[in-house]
C-alpha atoms as a PDB file:
ATOM      1  CA  MET A   1     126.261-162.711-194.919  1.00  0.00           C
ATOM      2  CA  ARG A   2     129.232-160.515-195.863  1.00  0.00           C
ATOM      3  CA  LEU A   3     128.633-157.847-198.486  1.00  0.00           C
ATOM      4  CA  LYS A   4     130.887-156.844-201.362  1.00  0.00           C
ATOM      5  CA  PRO A   5     131.608-153.112-201.894  1.00  0.00           C
ATOM      6  CA  LEU A   6     128.806-152.757-204.472  1.00  0.00           C
ATOM      7  CA  GLN A   7     126.341-154.400-202.087  1.00  0.00           C
ATOM      8  CA  CYS A   8     127.470-152.020-199.308  1.00  0.00           C
ATOM      9  CA  LEU A   9     126.694-149.109-201.621  1.00  0.00           C
ATOM     10  CA  TRP A  10     123.244-150.606-202.237  1.00  0.00           C
ATOM     11  CA  TRP A  11     122.563-150.921-198.495  1.00  0.00           C
ATOM     12  CA  THR A  12     123.829-147.425-197.863  1.00  0.00           C
ATOM     13  CA  THR A  13     121.448-146.154-200.535  1.00  0.00           C
ATOM     14  CA  ILE A  14     118.558-147.944-198.830  1.00  0.00           C
ATOM     15  CA  ILE A  15     119.477-146.404-195.509  1.00  0.00           C
ATOM     16  CA  LEU A  16     119.706-142.951-197.041  1.00  0.00           C
ATOM     17  CA  CYS A  17     116.177-143.351-198.385  1.00  0.00           C
ATOM     18  CA  LEU A  18     114.643-144.532-195.111  1.00  0.00           C
ATOM     19  CA  THR A  19     112.325-141.571-194.971  1.00  0.00           C
ATOM     20  CA  ASN A  20     110.513-139.415-197.496  1.00  0.00           C
ATOM     21  CA  PRO A  21     113.259-137.693-199.503  1.00  0.00           C
ATOM     22  CA  VAL A  22     110.960-134.734-200.250  1.00  0.00           C
ATOM     23  CA  ILE A  23     111.353-133.470-196.675  1.00  0.00           C
ATOM     24  CA  ALA A  24     115.010-132.459-196.341  1.00  0.00           C
ATOM     25  CA  GLU A  25     115.060-132.666-192.540  1.00  0.00           C
ATOM     26  CA  ASP A  26     113.888-136.297-192.628  1.00  0.00           C
ATOM     27  CA  LYS A  27     116.701-137.524-194.882  1.00  0.00           C
ATOM     28  CA  VAL A  28     118.983-139.918-193.082  1.00  0.00           C
ATOM     29  CA  LYS A  29     122.669-140.307-193.821  1.00  0.00           C
ATOM     30  CA  VAL A  30     124.460-143.279-192.270  1.00  0.00           C
ATOM     31  CA  THR A  31     128.160-144.069-192.372  1.00  0.00           C
ATOM     32  CA  GLY A  32     130.349-146.652-190.662  1.00  0.00           C
ATOM     33  CA  ASP A  33     133.455-148.783-191.080  1.00  0.00           C
ATOM     34  CA  GLN A  34     131.638-152.072-191.789  1.00  0.00           C
ATOM     35  CA  ILE A  35     128.140-152.406-193.213  1.00  0.00           C
ATOM     36  CA  ARG A  36     126.441-155.738-193.780  1.00  0.00           C
ATOM     37  CA  GLY A  37     122.820-156.651-194.264  1.00  0.00           C
ATOM     38  CA  ASP A  38     120.237-159.386-194.225  1.00  0.00           C
ATOM     39  CA  THR A  39     118.008-158.874-197.284  1.00  0.00           C
ATOM     40  CA  GLU A  40     115.337-161.323-196.097  1.00  0.00           C
ATOM     41  CA  LYS A  41     114.891-159.749-192.655  1.00  0.00           C
ATOM     42  CA  LYS A  42     115.627-156.225-193.972  1.00  0.00           C
ATOM     43  CA  ILE A  43     118.108-155.589-191.183  1.00  0.00           C
ATOM     44  CA  THR A  44     121.385-153.723-191.590  1.00  0.00           C
ATOM     45  CA  TYR A  45     124.330-154.094-189.207  1.00  0.00           C
ATOM     46  CA  ILE A  46     126.958-151.353-188.986  1.00  0.00           C
ATOM     47  CA  ASN A  47     130.143-151.525-186.933  1.00  0.00           C
ATOM     48  CA  GLY A  48     132.870-149.012-186.172  1.00  0.00           C
ATOM     49  CA  ASN A  49     132.605-145.222-186.266  1.00  0.00           C
ATOM     50  CA  VAL A  50     128.861-145.277-186.905  1.00  0.00           C
ATOM     51  CA  ARG A  51     127.432-141.813-187.649  1.00  0.00           C
ATOM     52  CA  ILE A  52     123.739-141.196-188.289  1.00  0.00           C
ATOM     53  CA  VAL A  53     122.582-137.729-189.342  1.00  0.00           C
ATOM     54  CA  GLN A  54     118.906-136.743-189.607  1.00  0.00           C
ATOM     55  CA  GLY A  55     118.326-133.005-189.889  1.00  0.00           C
ATOM     56  CA  SER A  56     120.140-131.349-186.971  1.00  0.00           C
ATOM     57  CA  ASP A  57     120.253-134.628-184.997  1.00  0.00           C
ATOM     58  CA  ILE A  58     123.565-136.495-185.006  1.00  0.00           C
ATOM     59  CA  ILE A  59     124.022-139.908-183.409  1.00  0.00           C
ATOM     60  CA  THR A  60     127.404-141.608-183.097  1.00  0.00           C
ATOM     61  CA  THR A  61     128.116-145.087-181.728  1.00  0.00           C
ATOM     62  CA  ASN A  62     130.247-148.197-182.216  1.00  0.00           C
ATOM     63  CA  LYS A  63     127.490-150.657-183.202  1.00  0.00           C
ATOM     64  CA  ALA A  64     124.143-150.206-184.945  1.00  0.00           C
ATOM     65  CA  LYS A  65     121.369-152.542-186.013  1.00  0.00           C
ATOM     66  CA  ILE A  66     118.705-151.000-188.259  1.00  0.00           C
ATOM     67  CA  ASN A  67     115.304-152.523-188.963  1.00  0.00           C
ATOM     68  CA  LEU A  68     114.520-151.057-192.387  1.00  0.00           C
ATOM     69  CA  ASP A  69     110.787-151.957-192.351  1.00  0.00           C
ATOM     70  CA  GLU A  70     110.046-150.321-189.016  1.00  0.00           C
ATOM     71  CA  LYS A  71     112.817-147.683-189.260  1.00  0.00           C
ATOM     72  CA  LEU A  72     114.105-148.603-185.816  1.00  0.00           C
ATOM     73  CA  LEU A  73     117.685-148.196-184.625  1.00  0.00           C
ATOM     74  CA  PHE A  74     119.266-150.364-181.943  1.00  0.00           C
ATOM     75  CA  LEU A  75     122.555-148.762-180.943  1.00  0.00           C
ATOM     76  CA  GLU A  76     125.156-149.863-178.421  1.00  0.00           C
ATOM     77  CA  GLU A  77     128.574-148.912-177.128  1.00  0.00           C
ATOM     78  CA  ASN A  78     129.440-145.238-176.640  1.00  0.00           C
ATOM     79  CA  VAL A  79     126.154-143.827-177.914  1.00  0.00           C
ATOM     80  CA  LYS A  80     126.114-140.045-178.291  1.00  0.00           C
ATOM     81  CA  PHE A  81     123.094-138.047-179.502  1.00  0.00           C
ATOM     82  CA  THR A  82     123.606-134.361-180.284  1.00  0.00           C
ATOM     83  CA  ASN A  83     121.381-131.594-181.623  1.00  0.00           C
ATOM     84  CA  ASP A  84     121.387-127.808-181.395  1.00  0.00           C
ATOM     85  CA  GLU A  85     120.399-127.795-177.717  1.00  0.00           C
ATOM     86  CA  ILE A  86     121.397-131.036-175.987  1.00  0.00           C
ATOM     87  CA  THR A  87     123.857-133.896-175.871  1.00  0.00           C
ATOM     88  CA  VAL A  88     122.879-137.301-174.497  1.00  0.00           C
ATOM     89  CA  GLU A  89     125.387-140.078-173.859  1.00  0.00           C
ATOM     90  CA  SER A  90     124.589-143.670-172.894  1.00  0.00           C
ATOM     91  CA  VAL A  91     125.504-147.309-173.415  1.00  0.00           C
ATOM     92  CA  LEU A  92     122.327-148.235-175.364  1.00  0.00           C
ATOM     93  CA  LEU A  93     119.715-146.431-177.459  1.00  0.00           C
ATOM     94  CA  GLU A  94     116.554-147.703-179.115  1.00  0.00           C
ATOM     95  CA  TYR A  95     115.435-144.979-181.543  1.00  0.00           C
ATOM     96  CA  ASN A  96     112.499-144.616-183.952  1.00  0.00           C
ATOM     97  CA  MET A  97     113.595-142.592-186.987  1.00  0.00           C
ATOM     98  CA  LYS A  98     109.986-141.974-188.131  1.00  0.00           C
ATOM     99  CA  LYS A  99     108.767-140.601-184.811  1.00  0.00           C
ATOM    100  CA  LYS A 100     112.175-139.200-183.813  1.00  0.00           C
ATOM    101  CA  ASN A 101     111.993-140.595-180.304  1.00  0.00           C
ATOM    102  CA  GLY A 102     113.811-143.206-178.294  1.00  0.00           C
ATOM    103  CA  THR A 103     114.976-144.586-174.987  1.00  0.00           C
ATOM    104  CA  PHE A 104     118.536-144.281-173.737  1.00  0.00           C
ATOM    105  CA  ARG A 105     119.670-146.924-171.241  1.00  0.00           C
ATOM    106  CA  GLU A 106     122.615-147.437-168.884  1.00  0.00           C
ATOM    107  CA  LYS A 107     124.825-144.621-167.612  1.00  0.00           C
ATOM    108  CA  VAL A 108     122.738-141.904-169.270  1.00  0.00           C
ATOM    109  CA  LYS A 109     124.034-138.320-169.175  1.00  0.00           C
ATOM    110  CA  LEU A 110     121.973-135.492-170.651  1.00  0.00           C
ATOM    111  CA  HIS A 111     123.600-132.062-170.955  1.00  0.00           C
ATOM    112  CA  ARG A 112     121.523-129.071-172.057  1.00  0.00           C
ATOM    113  CA  ARG A 113     123.535-126.135-173.311  1.00  0.00           C
ATOM    114  CA  GLU A 114     122.525-122.569-172.575  1.00  0.00           C
ATOM    115  CA  SER A 115     120.029-121.325-175.148  1.00  0.00           C
ATOM    116  CA  LYS A 116     120.254-117.696-176.210  1.00  0.00           C
ATOM    117  CA  LYS A 117     117.636-117.538-178.981  1.00  0.00           C
ATOM    118  CA  ASN A 118     115.742-114.692-177.352  1.00  0.00           C
ATOM    119  CA  ALA A 119     115.108-113.402-173.836  1.00  0.00           C
ATOM    120  CA  LYS A 120     111.697-115.082-173.530  1.00  0.00           C
ATOM    121  CA  GLU A 121     112.945-118.529-174.534  1.00  0.00           C
ATOM    122  CA  LYS A 122     116.256-118.450-172.674  1.00  0.00           C
ATOM    123  CA  LYS A 123     116.962-121.859-171.177  1.00  0.00           C
ATOM    124  CA  ASP A 124     119.497-122.500-168.456  1.00  0.00           C
ATOM    125  CA  PRO A 125     122.063-125.254-168.867  1.00  0.00           C
ATOM    126  CA  PHE A 126     121.856-128.368-166.699  1.00  0.00           C
ATOM    127  CA  SER A 127     123.053-131.973-166.548  1.00  0.00           C
ATOM    128  CA  LEU A 128     120.892-135.009-165.814  1.00  0.00           C
ATOM    129  CA  PHE A 129     122.273-138.402-164.799  1.00  0.00           C
ATOM    130  CA  THR A 130     120.031-141.484-164.838  1.00  0.00           C
ATOM    131  CA  ASP A 131     119.851-145.120-165.982  1.00  0.00           C
ATOM    132  CA  GLU A 132     116.921-144.679-168.384  1.00  0.00           C
ATOM    133  CA  LEU A 133     115.736-141.664-170.354  1.00  0.00           C
ATOM    134  CA  TYR A 134     112.904-141.394-172.888  1.00  0.00           C
ATOM    135  CA  PHE A 135     113.497-138.546-175.359  1.00  0.00           C
ATOM    136  CA  GLU A 136     111.510-136.895-178.193  1.00  0.00           C
ATOM    137  CA  SER A 137     113.791-135.084-180.624  1.00  0.00           C
ATOM    138  CA  ASN A 138     111.115-132.935-182.310  1.00  0.00           C
ATOM    139  CA  THR A 139     109.696-131.491-179.089  1.00  0.00           C
ATOM    140  CA  LYS A 140     112.872-131.884-177.006  1.00  0.00           C
ATOM    141  CA  ASN A 141     110.731-133.412-174.255  1.00  0.00           C
ATOM    142  CA  PHE A 142     112.209-136.091-172.043  1.00  0.00           C
ATOM    143  CA  THR A 143     111.208-138.310-169.144  1.00  0.00           C
ATOM    144  CA  ALA A 144     113.523-139.902-166.591  1.00  0.00           C
ATOM    145  CA  GLU A 145     112.903-141.714-163.346  1.00  0.00           C
ATOM    146  CA  TYR A 146     115.393-141.887-160.512  1.00  0.00           C
ATOM    147  CA  GLY A 147     118.022-139.451-161.611  1.00  0.00           C
ATOM    148  CA  ARG A 148     120.197-136.628-160.395  1.00  0.00           C
ATOM    149  CA  ILE A 149     120.218-133.097-161.816  1.00  0.00           C
ATOM    150  CA  GLU A 150     123.065-130.613-161.626  1.00  0.00           C
ATOM    151  CA  HIS A 151     121.870-127.051-162.175  1.00  0.00           C
ATOM    152  CA  LYS A 152     123.338-123.679-161.163  1.00  0.00           C
END
Protein backbone atom coordinates (compact mmCIF):
# COMPACT_ATOMS: atom_id res chain seq x y z
CA MET A 1 0.00 0.00 0.00
CA ARG A 2 1.37 3.44 -0.90
CA LEU A 3 0.51 6.30 1.44
CA LYS A 4 -0.50 9.84 0.55
CA PRO A 5 1.27 12.74 2.32
CA LEU A 6 -1.47 13.04 4.96
CA GLN A 7 -1.25 9.31 5.68
CA CYS A 8 2.55 9.61 6.01
CA LEU A 9 2.01 12.33 8.61
CA TRP A 10 -0.38 9.99 10.45
CA TRP A 11 2.19 7.16 10.46
CA THR A 12 4.93 9.51 11.55
CA THR A 13 2.72 10.63 14.44
CA ILE A 14 2.20 7.00 15.46
CA ILE A 15 5.92 6.37 15.39
CA LEU A 16 6.60 9.46 17.46
CA CYS A 17 4.19 8.17 20.10
CA LEU A 18 5.66 4.66 20.29
CA THR A 19 6.57 5.09 23.92
CA ASN A 20 5.13 6.94 26.88
CA PRO A 21 5.34 10.64 25.97
CA VAL A 22 5.57 11.62 29.65
CA ILE A 23 9.18 10.39 29.80
CA ALA A 24 11.15 12.72 27.53
CA GLU A 25 14.05 10.31 27.02
CA ASP A 26 11.69 7.60 25.72
CA LYS A 27 10.18 9.74 22.96
CA VAL A 28 11.08 8.45 19.54
CA LYS A 29 11.48 10.62 16.48
CA VAL A 30 11.71 8.87 13.11
CA THR A 31 12.41 10.43 9.73
CA GLY A 32 13.11 9.03 6.28
CA ASP A 33 12.66 9.68 2.57
CA GLN A 34 9.79 7.21 2.04
CA ILE A 35 7.36 6.03 4.70
CA ARG A 36 4.62 3.51 4.04
CA GLY A 37 2.59 1.35 6.36
CA ASP A 38 0.35 -1.66 6.70
CA THR A 39 -2.51 -0.67 9.04
CA GLU A 40 -3.72 -4.26 9.52
CA LYS A 41 -0.32 -5.66 10.54
CA LYS A 42 0.73 -2.40 12.24
CA ILE A 43 4.06 -2.41 10.44
CA THR A 44 5.77 0.68 9.05
CA TYR A 45 8.40 0.57 6.30
CA ILE A 46 10.86 3.44 5.90
CA ASN A 47 13.42 3.78 3.12
CA GLY A 48 16.22 6.24 2.45
CA ASN A 49 18.05 8.39 5.00
CA VAL A 50 16.31 6.76 7.96
CA ARG A 51 17.08 8.50 11.27
CA ILE A 52 15.71 7.29 14.60
CA VAL A 53 16.33 9.36 17.73
CA GLN A 54 15.46 8.16 21.24
CA GLY A 55 17.01 10.22 24.02
CA SER A 56 20.76 10.38 23.35
CA ASP A 57 20.63 7.30 21.08
CA ILE A 58 20.71 7.97 17.33
CA ILE A 59 20.32 5.22 14.74
CA THR A 60 20.76 5.83 11.01
CA THR A 61 20.24 3.32 8.20
CA ASN A 62 18.91 2.92 4.66
CA LYS A 63 15.96 0.61 5.40
CA ALA A 64 13.74 0.16 8.46
CA LYS A 65 10.78 -2.04 9.29
CA ILE A 66 8.96 -1.17 12.53
CA ASN A 67 6.51 -3.44 14.32
CA LEU A 68 4.33 -0.91 16.14
CA ASP A 69 2.69 -3.44 18.51
CA GLU A 70 5.93 -4.90 19.80
CA LYS A 71 8.02 -1.73 19.27
CA LEU A 72 10.66 -3.69 17.39
CA LEU A 73 12.97 -2.28 14.73
CA PHE A 74 14.45 -4.35 11.92
CA LEU A 75 17.14 -2.27 10.23
CA GLU A 76 19.39 -3.08 7.29
CA GLU A 77 22.01 -1.50 5.08
CA ASN A 78 24.60 0.83 6.61
CA VAL A 79 23.28 0.69 10.17
CA LYS A 80 24.96 3.13 12.56
CA PHE A 81 24.08 3.45 16.26
CA THR A 82 25.56 6.36 18.19
CA ASN A 83 25.25 7.63 21.76
CA ASP A 84 27.42 9.73 24.05
CA GLU A 85 30.00 6.97 24.51
CA ILE A 86 29.98 4.53 21.58
CA THR A 87 29.36 4.08 17.89
CA VAL A 88 28.34 0.72 16.44
CA GLU A 89 28.19 0.02 12.71
CA SER A 90 26.81 -3.10 11.05
CA VAL A 91 24.78 -4.44 8.14
CA LEU A 92 21.74 -5.49 10.24
CA LEU A 93 20.19 -4.53 13.58
CA GLU A 94 17.20 -5.95 15.43
CA TYR A 95 16.36 -3.45 18.19
CA ASN A 96 13.71 -3.33 20.93
CA MET A 97 12.73 0.30 21.58
CA LYS A 98 11.00 -0.56 24.89
CA LYS A 99 13.94 -2.42 26.40
CA LYS A 100 16.56 -0.39 24.50
CA ASN A 101 18.53 -3.45 23.47
CA GLY A 102 19.33 -5.25 20.27
CA THR A 103 21.58 -7.46 18.21
CA PHE A 104 23.87 -6.16 15.50
CA ARG A 105 24.82 -8.64 12.76
CA GLU A 106 27.35 -8.82 9.93
CA LYS A 107 30.55 -6.76 9.81
CA VAL A 108 29.99 -5.26 13.26
CA LYS A 109 32.37 -2.52 14.44
CA LEU A 110 32.03 -1.04 17.92
CA HIS A 111 34.12 2.03 18.78
CA ARG A 112 34.15 3.36 22.34
CA ARG A 113 35.35 6.92 22.68
CA GLU A 114 37.48 8.04 25.60
CA SER A 115 35.30 9.01 28.55
CA LYS A 116 36.45 11.92 30.69
CA LYS A 117 33.50 12.31 33.09
CA ASN A 118 35.67 11.99 36.18
CA ALA A 119 38.91 10.27 37.15
CA LYS A 120 37.17 7.29 38.77
CA GLU A 121 34.97 6.53 35.76
CA LYS A 122 37.55 7.20 33.05
CA LYS A 123 37.16 4.65 30.27
CA ASP A 124 39.79 3.96 27.65
CA PRO A 125 38.84 3.95 23.98
CA PHE A 126 38.85 0.68 22.04
CA SER A 127 37.46 -0.90 18.87
CA LEU A 128 35.74 -4.28 18.64
CA PHE A 129 35.21 -6.17 15.38
CA THR A 130 32.83 -9.15 15.25
CA ASP A 131 29.96 -10.69 13.26
CA GLU A 132 27.36 -10.51 16.04
CA LEU A 133 27.01 -8.17 19.00
CA TYR A 134 24.24 -7.96 21.61
CA PHE A 135 23.99 -4.46 23.11
CA GLU A 136 21.98 -2.82 25.94
CA SER A 137 21.75 0.94 25.48
CA ASN A 138 20.69 1.82 29.04
CA THR A 139 23.53 -0.05 30.76
CA LYS A 140 25.99 0.13 27.84
CA ASN A 141 26.66 -3.58 28.34
CA PHE A 142 27.47 -5.72 25.34
CA THR A 143 28.27 -9.33 24.50
CA ALA A 144 30.19 -10.60 21.48
CA GLU A 145 31.59 -13.97 20.57
CA TYR A 146 34.53 -14.48 18.26
CA GLY A 147 35.80 -10.98 17.79
CA ARG A 148 38.94 -8.91 17.71
CA ILE A 149 39.68 -5.95 19.99
CA GLU A 150 42.05 -3.09 19.26
CA HIS A 151 43.11 -1.29 22.44
CA LYS A 152 46.15 0.85 23.26
